[in-house]
Amino acid sequence: MVNKKQVIGGPLEIGGRVLSLSRAIRAGDFVYLTGQIPMKDGVPMTEGTVEDQTRAVLDDITATLTEAGCTRDDVIKAMVWLRARSDFPGFNAVYGEYFPVEPPTRSAVVSDLLVDARVEVEVVAYRPLDNG
């Protein structure tokens, strides 16, 4: 069997507009998720606390991982962008709820996000394919 990339979850849509990126890609034993911003009813969540927005992001990441046959336990790397340095404690508290044991490696930076949200998270998961 030849392994090739597999699109997970179809293209990403925001407000009915299809974006030129995939929700996730499986490449062999690795699953790469696109950066996830908080969404509510199909539109970017620009209101709410960083804790609310972090939960929305991590719930969406969990759902996409499930579509790929993975769980949060399979996440090996997370990259986090925060709009404000002062949001880190709130983000980190919620993140710890989702990754309480053997958390993935993580990088976090403060950045001007392209959408008026407080947080964006991208993850990479490792789940070997059963080629048996």
C-alpha atoms as a PDB file:
ATOM      1  CA  MET A   1       0.000   0.000   0.000  1.00  0.00           C
ATOM      2  CA  VAL A   2       1.356   3.395  -0.999  1.00  0.00           C
ATOM      3  CA  ASN A   3       0.938   6.056   1.659  1.00  0.00           C
ATOM      4  CA  LYS A   4       0.001   9.513   0.452  1.00  0.00           C
ATOM      5  CA  LYS A   5      -1.377  12.535   2.183  1.00  0.00           C
ATOM      6  CA  GLN A   6      -5.003  12.381   3.237  1.00  0.00           C
ATOM      7  CA  VAL A   7      -7.166  15.449   3.791  1.00  0.00           C
ATOM      8  CA  ILE A   8      -9.101  15.243   7.072  1.00  0.00           C
ATOM      9  CA  GLY A   9     -12.354  17.119   7.582  1.00  0.00           C
ATOM     10  CA  GLY A  10     -12.466  18.774   4.174  1.00  0.00           C
ATOM     11  CA  PRO A  11     -11.645  22.401   3.426  1.00  0.00           C
ATOM     12  CA  LEU A  12     -12.048  25.031   6.096  1.00  0.00           C
ATOM     13  CA  GLU A  13     -15.028  27.388   5.803  1.00  0.00           C
ATOM     14  CA  ILE A  14     -15.644  30.661   7.608  1.00  0.00           C
ATOM     15  CA  GLY A  15     -18.935  32.464   7.167  1.00  0.00           C
ATOM     16  CA  GLY A  16     -19.800  30.352   4.116  1.00  0.00           C
ATOM     17  CA  ARG A  17     -16.506  31.181   2.392  1.00  0.00           C
ATOM     18  CA  VAL A  18     -14.245  28.233   1.574  1.00  0.00           C
ATOM     19  CA  LEU A  19     -10.636  28.974   2.523  1.00  0.00           C
ATOM     20  CA  SER A  20      -7.619  27.733   0.601  1.00  0.00           C
ATOM     21  CA  LEU A  21      -6.421  25.407   3.367  1.00  0.00           C
ATOM     22  CA  SER A  22      -7.370  22.043   4.809  1.00  0.00           C
ATOM     23  CA  ARG A  23      -8.545  21.484   8.371  1.00  0.00           C
ATOM     24  CA  ALA A  24      -5.973  18.688   8.757  1.00  0.00           C
ATOM     25  CA  ILE A  25      -3.666  16.446   6.733  1.00  0.00           C
ATOM     26  CA  ARG A  26      -2.534  12.936   7.585  1.00  0.00           C
ATOM     27  CA  ALA A  27       0.917  12.198   6.196  1.00  0.00           C
ATOM     28  CA  GLY A  28       1.855   8.662   7.138  1.00  0.00           C
ATOM     29  CA  ASP A  29       1.756   8.322  10.923  1.00  0.00           C
ATOM     30  CA  PHE A  30       1.528  12.094  11.513  1.00  0.00           C
ATOM     31  CA  VAL A  31      -1.545  14.332  11.520  1.00  0.00           C
ATOM     32  CA  TYR A  32      -1.005  18.075  11.044  1.00  0.00           C
ATOM     33  CA  LEU A  33      -3.843  20.408  12.015  1.00  0.00           C
ATOM     34  CA  THR A  34      -4.095  23.902  10.652  1.00  0.00           C
ATOM     35  CA  GLY A  35      -3.983  26.770  13.129  1.00  0.00           C
ATOM     36  CA  GLN A  36      -7.369  26.877  14.844  1.00  0.00           C
ATOM     37  CA  ILE A  37      -9.010  30.102  15.966  1.00  0.00           C
ATOM     38  CA  PRO A  38     -12.075  30.139  18.223  1.00  0.00           C
ATOM     39  CA  MET A  39     -15.278  29.690  16.251  1.00  0.00           C
ATOM     40  CA  LYS A  40     -18.932  29.995  17.217  1.00  0.00           C
ATOM     41  CA  ASP A  41     -21.710  29.118  14.784  1.00  0.00           C
ATOM     42  CA  GLY A  42     -19.261  29.136  11.857  1.00  0.00           C
ATOM     43  CA  VAL A  43     -17.838  32.605  12.454  1.00  0.00           C
ATOM     44  CA  PRO A  44     -14.730  33.738  14.332  1.00  0.00           C
ATOM     45  CA  MET A  45     -15.359  34.249  18.045  1.00  0.00           C
ATOM     46  CA  THR A  46     -14.122  37.773  18.731  1.00  0.00           C
ATOM     47  CA  GLU A  47     -15.841  38.195  22.110  1.00  0.00           C
ATOM     48  CA  GLY A  48     -15.323  36.372  25.381  1.00  0.00           C
ATOM     49  CA  THR A  49     -12.409  35.756  27.676  1.00  0.00           C
ATOM     50  CA  VAL A  50      -9.220  34.023  26.644  1.00  0.00           C
ATOM     51  CA  GLU A  51     -10.463  31.057  28.689  1.00  0.00           C
ATOM     52  CA  ASP A  52     -13.715  30.907  26.651  1.00  0.00           C
ATOM     53  CA  GLN A  53     -11.812  31.237  23.395  1.00  0.00           C
ATOM     54  CA  THR A  54      -9.215  28.628  24.408  1.00  0.00           C
ATOM     55  CA  ARG A  55     -11.953  26.106  25.231  1.00  0.00           C
ATOM     56  CA  ALA A  56     -13.585  26.739  21.839  1.00  0.00           C
ATOM     57  CA  VAL A  57     -10.245  26.209  20.062  1.00  0.00           C
ATOM     58  CA  LEU A  58      -9.346  23.055  21.987  1.00  0.00           C
ATOM     59  CA  ASP A  59     -12.850  21.587  21.538  1.00  0.00           C
ATOM     60  CA  ASP A  60     -12.565  22.105  17.763  1.00  0.00           C
ATOM     61  CA  ILE A  61      -9.069  20.584  17.770  1.00  0.00           C
ATOM     62  CA  THR A  62     -10.428  17.581  19.698  1.00  0.00           C
ATOM     63  CA  ALA A  63     -13.195  17.116  17.106  1.00  0.00           C
ATOM     64  CA  THR A  64     -10.744  17.278  14.195  1.00  0.00           C
ATOM     65  CA  LEU A  65      -8.391  14.830  15.917  1.00  0.00           C
ATOM     66  CA  THR A  66     -11.333  12.446  16.337  1.00  0.00           C
ATOM     67  CA  GLU A  67     -12.062  12.653  12.587  1.00  0.00           C
ATOM     68  CA  ALA A  68      -8.428  11.697  11.990  1.00  0.00           C
ATOM     69  CA  GLY A  69      -8.678   8.694  14.341  1.00  0.00           C
ATOM     70  CA  CYS A  70      -6.614  10.425  17.036  1.00  0.00           C
ATOM     71  CA  THR A  71      -7.110  11.753  20.547  1.00  0.00           C
ATOM     72  CA  ARG A  72      -5.478  14.601  22.441  1.00  0.00           C
ATOM     73  CA  ASP A  73      -3.119  11.971  23.909  1.00  0.00           C
ATOM     74  CA  ASP A  74      -1.634  11.619  20.401  1.00  0.00           C
ATOM     75  CA  VAL A  75      -0.656  15.303  20.197  1.00  0.00           C
ATOM     76  CA  ILE A  76       3.142  15.649  20.259  1.00  0.00           C
ATOM     77  CA  LYS A  77       3.568  19.369  19.462  1.00  0.00           C
ATOM     78  CA  ALA A  78       1.477  22.498  19.916  1.00  0.00           C
ATOM     79  CA  MET A  79       2.158  25.995  18.627  1.00  0.00           C
ATOM     80  CA  VAL A  80       0.257  28.816  20.305  1.00  0.00           C
ATOM     81  CA  TRP A  81      -0.258  32.423  19.289  1.00  0.00           C
ATOM     82  CA  LEU A  82      -1.738  34.842  21.809  1.00  0.00           C
ATOM     83  CA  ARG A  83      -2.825  38.393  21.088  1.00  0.00           C
ATOM     84  CA  ALA A  84      -1.620  39.656  24.471  1.00  0.00           C
ATOM     85  CA  ARG A  85       1.043  38.484  26.904  1.00  0.00           C
ATOM     86  CA  SER A  86      -1.428  39.053  29.750  1.00  0.00           C
ATOM     87  CA  ASP A  87      -3.656  36.287  28.286  1.00  0.00           C
ATOM     88  CA  PHE A  88      -1.041  33.581  28.932  1.00  0.00           C
ATOM     89  CA  PRO A  89      -2.079  32.633  32.518  1.00  0.00           C
ATOM     90  CA  GLY A  90      -5.732  32.162  31.529  1.00  0.00           C
ATOM     91  CA  PHE A  91      -4.799  30.277  28.374  1.00  0.00           C
ATOM     92  CA  ASN A  92      -2.342  28.072  30.256  1.00  0.00           C
ATOM     93  CA  ALA A  93      -4.890  27.150  32.944  1.00  0.00           C
ATOM     94  CA  VAL A  94      -7.411  25.928  30.356  1.00  0.00           C
ATOM     95  CA  TYR A  95      -4.729  24.235  28.244  1.00  0.00           C
ATOM     96  CA  GLY A  96      -3.690  22.276  31.348  1.00  0.00           C
ATOM     97  CA  GLU A  97      -7.259  20.955  31.695  1.00  0.00           C
ATOM     98  CA  TYR A  98      -7.086  19.515  28.159  1.00  0.00           C
ATOM     99  CA  PHE A  99      -3.540  18.127  28.482  1.00  0.00           C
ATOM    100  CA  PRO A 100      -3.250  17.142  32.176  1.00  0.00           C
ATOM    101  CA  VAL A 101      -0.822  14.205  31.779  1.00  0.00           C
ATOM    102  CA  GLU A 102       2.268  13.969  29.574  1.00  0.00           C
ATOM    103  CA  PRO A 103       1.448  17.186  27.703  1.00  0.00           C
ATOM    104  CA  PRO A 104       2.882  17.765  24.230  1.00  0.00           C
ATOM    105  CA  THR A 105       5.850  19.995  23.571  1.00  0.00           C
ATOM    106  CA  ARG A 106       4.691  23.567  23.074  1.00  0.00           C
ATOM    107  CA  SER A 107       5.821  26.922  21.816  1.00  0.00           C
ATOM    108  CA  ALA A 108       3.898  30.114  22.536  1.00  0.00           C
ATOM    109  CA  VAL A 109       4.348  33.594  21.137  1.00  0.00           C
ATOM    110  CA  VAL A 110       2.565  36.921  21.320  1.00  0.00           C
ATOM    111  CA  SER A 111       1.492  38.021  17.871  1.00  0.00           C
ATOM    112  CA  ASP A 112      -0.892  40.247  15.973  1.00  0.00           C
ATOM    113  CA  LEU A 113      -3.400  37.641  14.723  1.00  0.00           C
ATOM    114  CA  LEU A 114      -5.045  37.914  11.310  1.00  0.00           C
ATOM    115  CA  VAL A 115      -8.480  37.598  12.928  1.00  0.00           C
ATOM    116  CA  ASP A 116      -9.662  39.626  15.913  1.00  0.00           C
ATOM    117  CA  ALA A 117      -9.396  36.681  18.305  1.00  0.00           C
ATOM    118  CA  ARG A 118      -7.297  36.228  21.430  1.00  0.00           C
ATOM    119  CA  VAL A 119      -5.749  32.825  20.652  1.00  0.00           C
ATOM    120  CA  GLU A 120      -4.792  30.462  17.841  1.00  0.00           C
ATOM    121  CA  VAL A 121      -3.469  26.930  18.318  1.00  0.00           C
ATOM    122  CA  GLU A 122      -1.905  24.506  15.848  1.00  0.00           C
ATOM    123  CA  VAL A 123      -1.052  20.897  16.731  1.00  0.00           C
ATOM    124  CA  VAL A 124       0.738  17.877  15.311  1.00  0.00           C
ATOM    125  CA  ALA A 125      -0.367  14.386  16.344  1.00  0.00           C
ATOM    126  CA  TYR A 126       1.360  11.031  15.963  1.00  0.00           C
ATOM    127  CA  ARG A 127      -0.795   7.910  15.540  1.00  0.00           C
ATOM    128  CA  PRO A 128       0.721   5.009  13.564  1.00  0.00           C
ATOM    129  CA  LEU A 129      -1.415   3.681  10.759  1.00  0.00           C
ATOM    130  CA  ASP A 130      -2.439   0.066  11.089  1.00  0.00           C
ATOM    131  CA  ASN A 131      -1.038  -1.368   7.876  1.00  0.00           C
ATOM    132  CA  GLY A 132      -1.606  -4.949   8.998  1.00  0.00           C
END
